[in-house]
Amino acid sequence: MDVKSQSFTDPRLAAAVAPRRREGGGFVWFLIKLLVVVLALRVFVFSPFSIPSESMLPRLMKGDYLVAAKWPYGFSRHSLPFDLPLPAGRVLASPPERGDVVIFKHPVDGSDYIKRVIGLPGDSVAVIGGQVVLNGQLVERKPLHDFLAPMSPNTGCTWGGRVVQLKDRSEACAYRRFRESLPGGRRYEVLDFGLTPGDSFAPVTVPEGMMFVMGDNRDNSRDSRWPAAAGDAVGLVPLERLVGRAGIIVWSTDGSAEWAKPWTWFSATRWARIGASL
């Protein structure tokens, strides 16, 4: 009997091969289950986002990476990945609260935007001298010490700031900072460079199914104060276009890292920002 024919008839060889086949099949099945779990989390629970601009300073900086919770507002085709052609409307819909930092699809071009909810359906929103007026009442705003944004490839100094030197001789951009307090006690910080066209906005009543959003960097944000246009302002945003509520900063970089220099991957990290909740 030759060796080849014996390999198929020897029970000892068959017994050795069978467990290996089972182990290989078990690993593939494990990968399939893992993929299903990851996809389910991505679709229904959390979704990652990166901050590409400074419109949400001082809370969010360019180079921040965060996860957004998808379940608080329910689900629609806009909150699911891959832009699936699902019917209009939301499942398990729940409105955001004033002050929430939300991710949504731009009403015109469908790109991801992040802003803070100021007005909900039925609310009247206006801006006078840079101060928000909500339902006829001035939103309380108190001045704070200047916000210092460390200078880096991800953070420059726009026209509204001034370059200052820190104790360690590094440079930062100083911006005028305020604390706003919405009705109900929700507080957050905003930047204001001075009087600009966006500091005067006539009252508008938010229609049903819409929300009024603003960036915390008030003079560097194209938000609901301007009509929606592709790649620009967002106008009044349909609630249906909500993707999720900003949750936790999971990573942040100042943009100085270089792939060819691994040590810069660590020196560029803004360690103090990681884990900050929104």
C-alpha atoms as a PDB file:
ATOM      1  CA  MET A   1       0.000   0.000   0.000  1.00  0.00           C
ATOM      2  CA  ASP A   2       1.489   3.386  -0.932  1.00  0.00           C
ATOM      3  CA  VAL A   3       1.663   6.363   1.422  1.00  0.00           C
ATOM      4  CA  LYS A   4      -1.024   8.371  -0.377  1.00  0.00           C
ATOM      5  CA  SER A   5      -3.696   5.694  -0.074  1.00  0.00           C
ATOM      6  CA  GLN A   6      -2.760   5.057   3.541  1.00  0.00           C
ATOM      7  CA  SER A   7      -3.383   8.722   4.463  1.00  0.00           C
ATOM      8  CA  PHE A   8      -7.043   8.266   3.647  1.00  0.00           C
ATOM      9  CA  THR A   9      -7.492   4.929   5.350  1.00  0.00           C
ATOM     10  CA  ASP A  10      -5.421   5.235   8.493  1.00  0.00           C
ATOM     11  CA  PRO A  11      -7.898   6.179  11.287  1.00  0.00           C
ATOM     12  CA  ARG A  12      -5.110   7.792  13.294  1.00  0.00           C
ATOM     13  CA  LEU A  13      -4.413  10.326  10.529  1.00  0.00           C
ATOM     14  CA  ALA A  14      -8.104  11.041  10.056  1.00  0.00           C
ATOM     15  CA  ALA A  15      -8.483  11.696  13.786  1.00  0.00           C
ATOM     16  CA  ALA A  16      -5.609  14.189  13.672  1.00  0.00           C
ATOM     17  CA  VAL A  17      -6.973  16.091  10.667  1.00  0.00           C
ATOM     18  CA  ALA A  18     -10.566  16.445  11.934  1.00  0.00           C
ATOM     19  CA  PRO A  19      -9.773  18.736  14.934  1.00  0.00           C
ATOM     20  CA  ARG A  20      -7.746  21.017  12.691  1.00  0.00           C
ATOM     21  CA  ARG A  21     -10.688  21.400  10.350  1.00  0.00           C
ATOM     22  CA  ARG A  22     -12.974  22.151  13.266  1.00  0.00           C
ATOM     23  CA  GLU A  23     -10.494  24.708  14.653  1.00  0.00           C
ATOM     24  CA  GLY A  24     -10.251  26.459  11.276  1.00  0.00           C
ATOM     25  CA  GLY A  25     -14.006  26.572  10.904  1.00  0.00           C
ATOM     26  CA  GLY A  26     -14.406  27.828  14.460  1.00  0.00           C
ATOM     27  CA  PHE A  27     -12.005  30.728  13.844  1.00  0.00           C
ATOM     28  CA  VAL A  28     -13.830  31.777  10.685  1.00  0.00           C
ATOM     29  CA  TRP A  29     -17.147  31.642  12.545  1.00  0.00           C
ATOM     30  CA  PHE A  30     -15.623  33.762  15.335  1.00  0.00           C
ATOM     31  CA  LEU A  31     -14.536  36.392  12.785  1.00  0.00           C
ATOM     32  CA  ILE A  32     -18.024  36.453  11.283  1.00  0.00           C
ATOM     33  CA  LYS A  33     -19.628  36.968  14.695  1.00  0.00           C
ATOM     34  CA  LEU A  34     -17.093  39.667  15.554  1.00  0.00           C
ATOM     35  CA  LEU A  35     -17.845  41.468  12.295  1.00  0.00           C
ATOM     36  CA  VAL A  36     -21.581  41.337  13.003  1.00  0.00           C
ATOM     37  CA  VAL A  37     -21.079  42.771  16.508  1.00  0.00           C
ATOM     38  CA  VAL A  38     -18.819  45.572  15.257  1.00  0.00           C
ATOM     39  CA  LEU A  39     -21.264  46.417  12.466  1.00  0.00           C
ATOM     40  CA  ALA A  40     -24.197  46.455  14.903  1.00  0.00           C
ATOM     41  CA  LEU A  41     -22.310  48.812  17.222  1.00  0.00           C
ATOM     42  CA  ARG A  42     -21.412  51.042  14.274  1.00  0.00           C
ATOM     43  CA  VAL A  43     -24.992  51.167  13.002  1.00  0.00           C
ATOM     44  CA  PHE A  44     -27.013  51.403  16.217  1.00  0.00           C
ATOM     45  CA  VAL A  45     -24.772  52.456  19.113  1.00  0.00           C
ATOM     46  CA  PHE A  46     -21.664  54.542  18.395  1.00  0.00           C
ATOM     47  CA  SER A  47     -20.035  56.174  15.418  1.00  0.00           C
ATOM     48  CA  PRO A  48     -16.612  57.867  15.127  1.00  0.00           C
ATOM     49  CA  PHE A  49     -16.160  61.442  13.908  1.00  0.00           C
ATOM     50  CA  SER A  50     -13.259  63.819  13.497  1.00  0.00           C
ATOM     51  CA  ILE A  51     -13.300  67.602  13.938  1.00  0.00           C
ATOM     52  CA  PRO A  52     -12.064  69.315  10.754  1.00  0.00           C
ATOM     53  CA  SER A  53     -12.444  72.991  11.745  1.00  0.00           C
ATOM     54  CA  GLU A  54     -12.477  75.441  14.651  1.00  0.00           C
ATOM     55  CA  SER A  55     -16.180  76.302  14.530  1.00  0.00           C
ATOM     56  CA  MET A  56     -16.784  74.572  17.881  1.00  0.00           C
ATOM     57  CA  LEU A  57     -13.938  76.139  19.855  1.00  0.00           C
ATOM     58  CA  PRO A  58     -13.372  76.208  22.774  1.00  0.00           C
ATOM     59  CA  ARG A  59     -15.060  72.846  23.459  1.00  0.00           C
ATOM     60  CA  LEU A  60     -13.836  71.030  20.373  1.00  0.00           C
ATOM     61  CA  MET A  61     -10.550  71.600  18.562  1.00  0.00           C
ATOM     62  CA  LYS A  62      -9.450  70.688  15.079  1.00  0.00           C
ATOM     63  CA  GLY A  63      -7.755  67.314  15.385  1.00  0.00           C
ATOM     64  CA  ASP A  64     -10.155  65.941  18.002  1.00  0.00           C
ATOM     65  CA  TYR A  65     -11.636  62.496  17.363  1.00  0.00           C
ATOM     66  CA  LEU A  66     -14.861  61.630  19.140  1.00  0.00           C
ATOM     67  CA  VAL A  67     -17.596  59.044  19.263  1.00  0.00           C
ATOM     68  CA  ALA A  68     -21.253  59.960  18.960  1.00  0.00           C
ATOM     69  CA  ALA A  69     -24.096  58.064  20.600  1.00  0.00           C
ATOM     70  CA  LYS A  70     -26.722  57.142  18.014  1.00  0.00           C
ATOM     71  CA  TRP A  71     -29.591  55.906  20.157  1.00  0.00           C
ATOM     72  CA  PRO A  72     -30.634  59.139  21.993  1.00  0.00           C
ATOM     73  CA  TYR A  73     -32.539  60.570  19.015  1.00  0.00           C
ATOM     74  CA  GLY A  74     -33.683  57.393  17.294  1.00  0.00           C
ATOM     75  CA  PHE A  75     -32.647  56.206  13.852  1.00  0.00           C
ATOM     76  CA  SER A  76     -33.162  57.289  10.259  1.00  0.00           C
ATOM     77  CA  ARG A  77     -31.439  56.642   6.968  1.00  0.00           C
ATOM     78  CA  HIS A  78     -29.185  59.613   7.778  1.00  0.00           C
ATOM     79  CA  SER A  79     -27.922  58.035  11.001  1.00  0.00           C
ATOM     80  CA  LEU A  80     -26.997  54.766   9.279  1.00  0.00           C
ATOM     81  CA  PRO A  81     -23.720  54.238   7.389  1.00  0.00           C
ATOM     82  CA  PHE A  82     -23.369  53.865   3.634  1.00  0.00           C
ATOM     83  CA  ASP A  83     -26.304  56.246   2.955  1.00  0.00           C
ATOM     84  CA  LEU A  84     -28.746  53.396   2.578  1.00  0.00           C
ATOM     85  CA  PRO A  85     -31.874  54.377   0.559  1.00  0.00           C
ATOM     86  CA  LEU A  86     -34.326  53.813   3.408  1.00  0.00           C
ATOM     87  CA  PRO A  87     -37.746  55.500   3.775  1.00  0.00           C
ATOM     88  CA  ALA A  88     -38.008  58.979   5.294  1.00  0.00           C
ATOM     89  CA  GLY A  89     -38.734  59.468   8.984  1.00  0.00           C
ATOM     90  CA  ARG A  90     -37.166  58.306  12.237  1.00  0.00           C
ATOM     91  CA  VAL A  91     -37.628  55.143  14.267  1.00  0.00           C
ATOM     92  CA  LEU A  92     -37.770  55.506  18.086  1.00  0.00           C
ATOM     93  CA  ALA A  93     -37.536  59.252  17.520  1.00  0.00           C
ATOM     94  CA  SER A  94     -36.696  61.503  20.452  1.00  0.00           C
ATOM     95  CA  PRO A  95     -35.908  65.234  20.139  1.00  0.00           C
ATOM     96  CA  PRO A  96     -32.567  66.669  21.261  1.00  0.00           C
ATOM     97  CA  GLU A  97     -32.341  69.035  24.204  1.00  0.00           C
ATOM     98  CA  ARG A  98     -31.253  72.638  23.961  1.00  0.00           C
ATOM     99  CA  GLY A  99     -27.512  72.723  24.494  1.00  0.00           C
ATOM    100  CA  ASP A 100     -26.814  69.270  23.030  1.00  0.00           C
ATOM    101  CA  VAL A 101     -23.809  69.015  20.725  1.00  0.00           C
ATOM    102  CA  VAL A 102     -25.145  67.087  17.740  1.00  0.00           C
ATOM    103  CA  ILE A 103     -23.832  65.558  14.529  1.00  0.00           C
ATOM    104  CA  PHE A 104     -26.145  65.825  11.522  1.00  0.00           C
ATOM    105  CA  LYS A 105     -26.146  65.625   7.745  1.00  0.00           C
ATOM    106  CA  HIS A 106     -25.955  68.938   5.934  1.00  0.00           C
ATOM    107  CA  PRO A 107     -29.404  69.699   4.452  1.00  0.00           C
ATOM    108  CA  VAL A 108     -27.940  70.329   0.983  1.00  0.00           C
ATOM    109  CA  ASP A 109     -24.748  68.333   0.424  1.00  0.00           C
ATOM    110  CA  GLY A 110     -25.231  65.579   3.021  1.00  0.00           C
ATOM    111  CA  SER A 111     -21.794  65.968   4.646  1.00  0.00           C
ATOM    112  CA  ASP A 112     -21.356  65.541   8.410  1.00  0.00           C
ATOM    113  CA  TYR A 113     -21.599  68.710  10.512  1.00  0.00           C
ATOM    114  CA  ILE A 114     -21.380  69.294  14.249  1.00  0.00           C
ATOM    115  CA  LYS A 115     -23.069  72.195  16.068  1.00  0.00           C
ATOM    116  CA  ARG A 116     -24.895  72.992  19.302  1.00  0.00           C
ATOM    117  CA  VAL A 117     -28.695  72.950  19.467  1.00  0.00           C
ATOM    118  CA  ILE A 118     -30.056  76.363  20.475  1.00  0.00           C
ATOM    119  CA  GLY A 119     -33.680  76.291  19.344  1.00  0.00           C
ATOM    120  CA  LEU A 120     -36.288  73.533  19.011  1.00  0.00           C
ATOM    121  CA  PRO A 121     -39.660  73.517  17.187  1.00  0.00           C
ATOM    122  CA  GLY A 122     -41.789  76.459  18.329  1.00  0.00           C
ATOM    123  CA  ASP A 123     -38.852  78.400  19.790  1.00  0.00           C
ATOM    124  CA  SER A 124     -38.162  81.961  18.704  1.00  0.00           C
ATOM    125  CA  VAL A 125     -34.434  82.626  18.155  1.00  0.00           C
ATOM    126  CA  ALA A 126     -32.703  85.931  17.492  1.00  0.00           C
ATOM    127  CA  VAL A 127     -29.263  87.464  18.021  1.00  0.00           C
ATOM    128  CA  ILE A 128     -28.763  91.049  19.193  1.00  0.00           C
ATOM    129  CA  GLY A 129     -25.265  92.457  19.550  1.00  0.00           C
ATOM    130  CA  GLY A 130     -23.840  88.942  19.605  1.00  0.00           C
ATOM    131  CA  GLN A 131     -26.122  87.789  22.421  1.00  0.00           C
ATOM    132  CA  VAL A 132     -28.680  85.061  21.767  1.00  0.00           C
ATOM    133  CA  VAL A 133     -32.337  85.880  22.410  1.00  0.00           C
ATOM    134  CA  LEU A 134     -34.442  82.762  23.040  1.00  0.00           C
ATOM    135  CA  ASN A 135     -38.213  83.121  23.210  1.00  0.00           C
ATOM    136  CA  GLY A 136     -37.890  86.848  23.809  1.00  0.00           C
ATOM    137  CA  GLN A 137     -35.370  86.523  26.669  1.00  0.00           C
ATOM    138  CA  LEU A 138     -31.655  87.294  26.484  1.00  0.00           C
ATOM    139  CA  VAL A 139     -29.609  84.159  27.119  1.00  0.00           C
ATOM    140  CA  GLU A 140     -27.378  84.865  30.098  1.00  0.00           C
ATOM    141  CA  ARG A 141     -23.759  85.389  29.095  1.00  0.00           C
ATOM    142  CA  LYS A 142     -20.866  86.066  31.482  1.00  0.00           C
ATOM    143  CA  PRO A 143     -17.283  86.958  30.492  1.00  0.00           C
ATOM    144  CA  LEU A 144     -14.484  84.559  31.446  1.00  0.00           C
ATOM    145  CA  HIS A 145     -10.710  84.650  31.186  1.00  0.00           C
ATOM    146  CA  ASP A 146      -9.453  84.455  27.618  1.00  0.00           C
ATOM    147  CA  PHE A 147      -9.302  81.015  26.049  1.00  0.00           C
ATOM    148  CA  LEU A 148      -5.739  80.066  25.112  1.00  0.00           C
ATOM    149  CA  ALA A 149      -5.436  77.757  22.118  1.00  0.00           C
ATOM    150  CA  PRO A 150      -1.866  76.425  21.781  1.00  0.00           C
ATOM    151  CA  MET A 151      -0.465  77.199  18.343  1.00  0.00           C
ATOM    152  CA  SER A 152       0.084  74.091  16.201  1.00  0.00           C
ATOM    153  CA  PRO A 153      -0.377  72.843  12.633  1.00  0.00           C
ATOM    154  CA  ASN A 154      -4.023  72.134  13.577  1.00  0.00           C
ATOM    155  CA  THR A 155      -4.633  75.398  15.438  1.00  0.00           C
ATOM    156  CA  GLY A 156      -3.693  78.760  14.022  1.00  0.00           C
ATOM    157  CA  CYS A 157      -4.700  82.240  15.134  1.00  0.00           C
ATOM    158  CA  THR A 158      -7.582  83.808  13.225  1.00  0.00           C
ATOM    159  CA  TRP A 159      -8.400  87.491  12.935  1.00  0.00           C
ATOM    160  CA  GLY A 160     -10.317  87.484  16.229  1.00  0.00           C
ATOM    161  CA  GLY A 161      -7.416  86.323  18.391  1.00  0.00           C
ATOM    162  CA  ARG A 162      -4.026  87.568  19.432  1.00  0.00           C
ATOM    163  CA  VAL A 163      -0.778  85.612  19.766  1.00  0.00           C
ATOM    164  CA  VAL A 164       0.578  85.406  23.313  1.00  0.00           C
ATOM    165  CA  GLN A 165       3.626  83.697  24.801  1.00  0.00           C
ATOM    166  CA  LEU A 166       3.117  81.108  27.523  1.00  0.00           C
ATOM    167  CA  LYS A 167       5.394  80.407  30.499  1.00  0.00           C
ATOM    168  CA  ASP A 168       7.133  77.591  28.639  1.00  0.00           C
ATOM    169  CA  ARG A 169       7.867  80.087  25.818  1.00  0.00           C
ATOM    170  CA  SER A 170       5.466  78.370  23.447  1.00  0.00           C
ATOM    171  CA  GLU A 171       2.803  80.440  21.708  1.00  0.00           C
ATOM    172  CA  ALA A 172      -0.964  80.376  21.982  1.00  0.00           C
ATOM    173  CA  CYS A 173      -3.851  82.284  20.476  1.00  0.00           C
ATOM    174  CA  ALA A 174      -5.992  84.184  22.984  1.00  0.00           C
ATOM    175  CA  TYR A 175      -9.723  84.553  22.298  1.00  0.00           C
ATOM    176  CA  ARG A 176     -12.474  86.354  24.206  1.00  0.00           C
ATOM    177  CA  ARG A 177     -14.488  83.719  26.051  1.00  0.00           C
ATOM    178  CA  PHE A 178     -17.957  83.747  27.649  1.00  0.00           C
ATOM    179  CA  ARG A 179     -20.191  81.304  29.476  1.00  0.00           C
ATOM    180  CA  GLU A 180     -23.739  81.021  28.201  1.00  0.00           C
ATOM    181  CA  SER A 181     -26.561  79.620  30.326  1.00  0.00           C
ATOM    182  CA  LEU A 182     -29.678  78.370  28.577  1.00  0.00           C
ATOM    183  CA  PRO A 183     -33.081  78.170  30.287  1.00  0.00           C
ATOM    184  CA  GLY A 184     -33.033  75.021  32.376  1.00  0.00           C
ATOM    185  CA  GLY A 185     -29.436  75.537  33.514  1.00  0.00           C
ATOM    186  CA  ARG A 186     -27.434  74.100  30.596  1.00  0.00           C
ATOM    187  CA  ARG A 187     -24.074  75.908  30.497  1.00  0.00           C
ATOM    188  CA  TYR A 188     -21.271  75.958  27.959  1.00  0.00           C
ATOM    189  CA  GLU A 189     -18.490  78.249  26.783  1.00  0.00           C
ATOM    190  CA  VAL A 190     -18.428  80.291  23.587  1.00  0.00           C
ATOM    191  CA  LEU A 191     -15.965  82.572  21.819  1.00  0.00           C
ATOM    192  CA  ASP A 192     -16.821  86.033  20.529  1.00  0.00           C
ATOM    193  CA  PHE A 193     -14.395  88.208  18.555  1.00  0.00           C
ATOM    194  CA  GLY A 194     -16.538  91.349  18.512  1.00  0.00           C
ATOM    195  CA  LEU A 195     -19.364  92.683  16.339  1.00  0.00           C
ATOM    196  CA  THR A 196     -19.701  90.849  13.016  1.00  0.00           C
ATOM    197  CA  PRO A 197     -22.601  90.339  10.548  1.00  0.00           C
ATOM    198  CA  GLY A 198     -23.639  87.175  12.406  1.00  0.00           C
ATOM    199  CA  ASP A 199     -24.120  89.130  15.650  1.00  0.00           C
ATOM    200  CA  SER A 200     -27.379  90.585  14.358  1.00  0.00           C
ATOM    201  CA  PHE A 201     -30.115  88.131  13.420  1.00  0.00           C
ATOM    202  CA  ALA A 202     -33.825  88.898  13.207  1.00  0.00           C
ATOM    203  CA  PRO A 203     -36.203  86.646  15.176  1.00  0.00           C
ATOM    204  CA  VAL A 204     -37.243  83.407  13.515  1.00  0.00           C
ATOM    205  CA  THR A 205     -39.644  80.784  14.816  1.00  0.00           C
ATOM    206  CA  VAL A 206     -38.284  77.262  14.426  1.00  0.00           C
ATOM    207  CA  PRO A 207     -40.779  75.223  12.369  1.00  0.00           C
ATOM    208  CA  GLU A 208     -42.031  71.786  13.345  1.00  0.00           C
ATOM    209  CA  GLY A 209     -39.480  69.089  12.581  1.00  0.00           C
ATOM    210  CA  MET A 210     -36.549  71.518  12.511  1.00  0.00           C
ATOM    211  CA  MET A 211     -33.841  72.786  14.871  1.00  0.00           C
ATOM    212  CA  PHE A 212     -31.744  75.943  15.122  1.00  0.00           C
ATOM    213  CA  VAL A 213     -28.030  75.245  15.637  1.00  0.00           C
ATOM    214  CA  MET A 214     -24.990  77.430  16.263  1.00  0.00           C
ATOM    215  CA  GLY A 215     -21.258  76.911  16.558  1.00  0.00           C
ATOM    216  CA  ASP A 216     -19.621  77.783  19.881  1.00  0.00           C
ATOM    217  CA  ASN A 217     -17.029  79.821  17.977  1.00  0.00           C
ATOM    218  CA  ARG A 218     -19.714  82.352  17.145  1.00  0.00           C
ATOM    219  CA  ASP A 219     -17.784  84.495  14.665  1.00  0.00           C
ATOM    220  CA  ASN A 220     -16.255  81.517  12.881  1.00  0.00           C
ATOM    221  CA  SER A 221     -19.305  79.321  12.312  1.00  0.00           C
ATOM    222  CA  ARG A 222     -21.636  79.110   9.337  1.00  0.00           C
ATOM    223  CA  ASP A 223     -24.751  77.819  11.051  1.00  0.00           C
ATOM    224  CA  SER A 224     -28.501  78.429  11.199  1.00  0.00           C
ATOM    225  CA  ARG A 225     -28.019  82.187  11.001  1.00  0.00           C
ATOM    226  CA  TRP A 226     -27.469  81.847   7.241  1.00  0.00           C
ATOM    227  CA  PRO A 227     -29.419  80.022   4.514  1.00  0.00           C
ATOM    228  CA  ALA A 228     -28.256  76.478   3.787  1.00  0.00           C
ATOM    229  CA  ALA A 229     -25.764  76.162   0.930  1.00  0.00           C
ATOM    230  CA  ALA A 230     -23.534  73.294  -0.162  1.00  0.00           C
ATOM    231  CA  GLY A 231     -20.184  73.420   1.627  1.00  0.00           C
ATOM    232  CA  ASP A 232     -21.295  76.448   3.634  1.00  0.00           C
ATOM    233  CA  ALA A 233     -24.000  77.396   6.142  1.00  0.00           C
ATOM    234  CA  VAL A 234     -26.597  74.856   7.284  1.00  0.00           C
ATOM    235  CA  GLY A 235     -29.737  76.957   7.782  1.00  0.00           C
ATOM    236  CA  LEU A 236     -32.524  75.429   9.850  1.00  0.00           C
ATOM    237  CA  VAL A 237     -31.731  71.715  10.120  1.00  0.00           C
ATOM    238  CA  PRO A 238     -34.386  68.980   9.810  1.00  0.00           C
ATOM    239  CA  LEU A 239     -34.483  66.757  12.889  1.00  0.00           C
ATOM    240  CA  GLU A 240     -34.641  63.812  10.515  1.00  0.00           C
ATOM    241  CA  ARG A 241     -31.023  64.531   9.550  1.00  0.00           C
ATOM    242  CA  LEU A 242     -29.687  63.934  13.051  1.00  0.00           C
ATOM    243  CA  VAL A 243     -26.919  61.340  13.212  1.00  0.00           C
ATOM    244  CA  GLY A 244     -26.179  61.308  16.938  1.00  0.00           C
ATOM    245  CA  ARG A 245     -25.154  63.163  20.077  1.00  0.00           C
ATOM    246  CA  ALA A 246     -21.464  63.935  20.557  1.00  0.00           C
ATOM    247  CA  GLY A 247     -20.198  61.809  23.431  1.00  0.00           C
ATOM    248  CA  ILE A 248     -16.510  61.447  24.334  1.00  0.00           C
ATOM    249  CA  ILE A 249     -13.218  62.602  22.836  1.00  0.00           C
ATOM    250  CA  VAL A 250     -11.255  59.408  22.221  1.00  0.00           C
ATOM    251  CA  TRP A 251      -8.182  60.930  20.591  1.00  0.00           C
ATOM    252  CA  SER A 252      -6.716  64.339  19.834  1.00  0.00           C
ATOM    253  CA  THR A 253      -3.668  65.465  17.891  1.00  0.00           C
ATOM    254  CA  ASP A 254      -2.154  68.890  17.245  1.00  0.00           C
ATOM    255  CA  GLY A 255      -1.227  67.837  13.714  1.00  0.00           C
ATOM    256  CA  SER A 256       2.554  67.835  14.169  1.00  0.00           C
ATOM    257  CA  ALA A 257       3.038  64.064  13.891  1.00  0.00           C
ATOM    258  CA  GLU A 258       5.093  62.630  11.033  1.00  0.00           C
ATOM    259  CA  TRP A 259       4.755  59.027   9.879  1.00  0.00           C
ATOM    260  CA  ALA A 260       8.512  58.715   9.391  1.00  0.00           C
ATOM    261  CA  LYS A 261       9.151  59.818  12.992  1.00  0.00           C
ATOM    262  CA  PRO A 262       7.242  57.474  15.348  1.00  0.00           C
ATOM    263  CA  TRP A 263       8.132  59.465  18.464  1.00  0.00           C
ATOM    264  CA  THR A 264       6.097  62.398  17.117  1.00  0.00           C
ATOM    265  CA  TRP A 265       2.973  60.226  17.247  1.00  0.00           C
ATOM    266  CA  PHE A 266       3.159  60.648  21.025  1.00  0.00           C
ATOM    267  CA  SER A 267       4.460  64.206  21.237  1.00  0.00           C
ATOM    268  CA  ALA A 268       1.643  65.403  18.955  1.00  0.00           C
ATOM    269  CA  THR A 269      -1.071  63.842  21.111  1.00  0.00           C
ATOM    270  CA  ARG A 270      -3.157  66.156  23.280  1.00  0.00           C
ATOM    271  CA  TRP A 271      -3.311  63.722  26.180  1.00  0.00           C
ATOM    272  CA  ALA A 272      -5.331  66.024  28.449  1.00  0.00           C
ATOM    273  CA  ARG A 273      -8.237  66.065  25.981  1.00  0.00           C
ATOM    274  CA  ILE A 274      -8.645  62.309  25.679  1.00  0.00           C
ATOM    275  CA  GLY A 275     -11.634  61.034  27.649  1.00  0.00           C
ATOM    276  CA  ALA A 276     -13.315  64.432  27.937  1.00  0.00           C
ATOM    277  CA  SER A 277     -17.101  64.141  27.753  1.00  0.00           C
ATOM    278  CA  LEU A 278     -19.276  66.487  25.767  1.00  0.00           C
END
